[in-house]
Amino acid sequence: MQQATPRRRRRLRVRTEQFRRIAREKLDIRSDRALAAALGINPINLSKLLNHHQQPSGILIAIILDAFDEPFERLFEVRLGDDEPTALAEVA
């Protein structure tokens, strides 16, 4: 009997560099603490999100998309496991 290959889990995460660049350019925000305050979220949660230790919730995605007025693909990416981008991640 063949053993099934484990499926690698897809993870949604923020495109950190683009996220910070857009925050600077569009919102004139220079620090993560100021960005957290502008978004109305806890700075610790923003840090976890930007360091890829936490996936964004649906509500947080909506808050970010509303604040940045950017397409989803410019701010977020889907990754396989911890490394490989999927086709969706390569759109932007």
Protein backbone atom coordinates (compact mmCIF):
# COMPACT_ATOMS: atom_id res chain seq x y z
CA MET A 1 0.00 0.00 0.00
CA GLN A 2 1.39 3.39 -1.02
CA GLN A 3 1.58 6.08 1.58
CA ALA A 4 -0.10 9.34 0.63
CA THR A 5 2.17 12.32 0.19
CA PRO A 6 1.28 14.97 2.75
CA ARG A 7 -0.22 18.09 1.22
CA ARG A 8 1.68 21.25 1.86
CA ARG A 9 -0.44 23.87 3.45
CA ARG A 10 -0.99 27.19 1.70
CA ARG A 11 -0.48 30.30 3.80
CA LEU A 12 -1.68 33.81 3.16
CA ARG A 13 0.77 36.51 4.15
CA VAL A 14 1.52 40.18 3.71
CA ARG A 15 4.06 41.29 1.14
CA THR A 16 6.02 43.09 3.85
CA GLU A 17 8.31 45.30 1.76
CA GLN A 18 5.51 46.47 -0.55
CA PHE A 19 3.22 46.92 2.45
CA ARG A 20 5.69 49.25 4.19
CA ARG A 21 6.54 51.11 0.97
CA ILE A 22 2.87 51.78 0.20
CA ALA A 23 2.31 52.89 3.82
CA ARG A 24 5.08 55.45 3.39
CA GLU A 25 3.99 56.66 -0.04
CA LYS A 26 0.20 56.69 0.32
CA LEU A 27 -0.33 57.26 4.03
CA ASP A 28 2.94 59.06 4.88
CA ILE A 29 3.47 56.61 7.76
CA ARG A 30 7.07 55.85 8.67
CA SER A 31 6.81 53.46 11.62
CA ASP A 32 4.99 50.20 12.31
CA ARG A 33 3.57 51.65 15.53
CA ALA A 34 2.05 54.61 13.65
CA LEU A 35 0.73 52.23 10.99
CA ALA A 36 -0.91 50.03 13.63
CA ALA A 37 -2.54 53.11 15.15
CA ALA A 38 -3.78 54.28 11.74
CA LEU A 39 -5.27 50.85 11.03
CA GLY A 40 -6.74 50.61 14.53
CA ILE A 41 -4.95 47.38 15.41
CA ASN A 42 -2.58 46.28 18.14
CA PRO A 43 1.10 46.92 17.26
CA ILE A 44 1.99 43.40 18.42
CA ASN A 45 -0.49 41.88 15.95
CA LEU A 46 0.90 44.06 13.16
CA SER A 47 4.42 42.91 14.01
CA LYS A 48 3.34 39.26 13.88
CA LEU A 49 1.63 39.88 10.55
CA LEU A 50 4.63 41.65 9.00
CA ASN A 51 7.05 39.00 10.26
CA HIS A 52 4.84 36.20 8.90
CA HIS A 53 4.09 34.71 12.32
CA GLN A 54 0.36 35.29 11.90
CA GLN A 55 -2.01 35.04 8.95
CA PRO A 56 -4.37 37.97 8.40
CA SER A 57 -8.02 37.51 9.32
CA GLY A 58 -10.80 38.48 6.92
CA ILE A 59 -11.55 41.60 8.95
CA LEU A 60 -7.90 42.66 8.94
CA ILE A 61 -7.67 42.11 5.18
CA ALA A 62 -10.72 44.35 4.71
CA ILE A 63 -9.23 47.05 6.98
CA ILE A 64 -5.92 46.99 5.09
CA LEU A 65 -7.51 47.02 1.63
CA ASP A 66 -9.74 49.93 2.65
CA ALA A 67 -6.86 51.93 4.15
CA PHE A 68 -4.41 51.34 1.31
CA ASP A 69 -6.85 51.37 -1.62
CA GLU A 70 -4.67 48.85 -3.45
CA PRO A 71 -5.50 45.52 -5.14
CA PHE A 72 -5.30 42.42 -2.94
CA GLU A 73 -2.42 40.97 -4.99
CA ARG A 74 -0.15 43.97 -4.32
CA LEU A 75 -0.42 43.59 -0.56
CA PHE A 76 -0.81 39.84 0.01
CA GLU A 77 0.64 36.62 -1.34
CA VAL A 78 -0.16 32.94 -1.02
CA ARG A 79 2.75 30.66 -0.20
CA LEU A 80 3.15 26.90 -0.05
CA GLY A 81 4.58 25.96 3.31
CA ASP A 82 7.06 28.62 4.36
CA ASP A 83 8.87 29.16 1.09
CA GLU A 84 7.36 28.63 -2.32
CA PRO A 85 4.97 31.16 -3.84
CA THR A 86 1.93 29.79 -5.66
CA ALA A 87 0.65 31.06 -9.00
CA LEU A 88 -1.54 33.61 -7.18
CA ALA A 89 1.51 35.04 -5.43
CA GLU A 90 3.19 35.67 -8.78
CA VAL A 91 0.35 37.84 -10.12
CA ALA A 92 1.61 41.15 -8.73
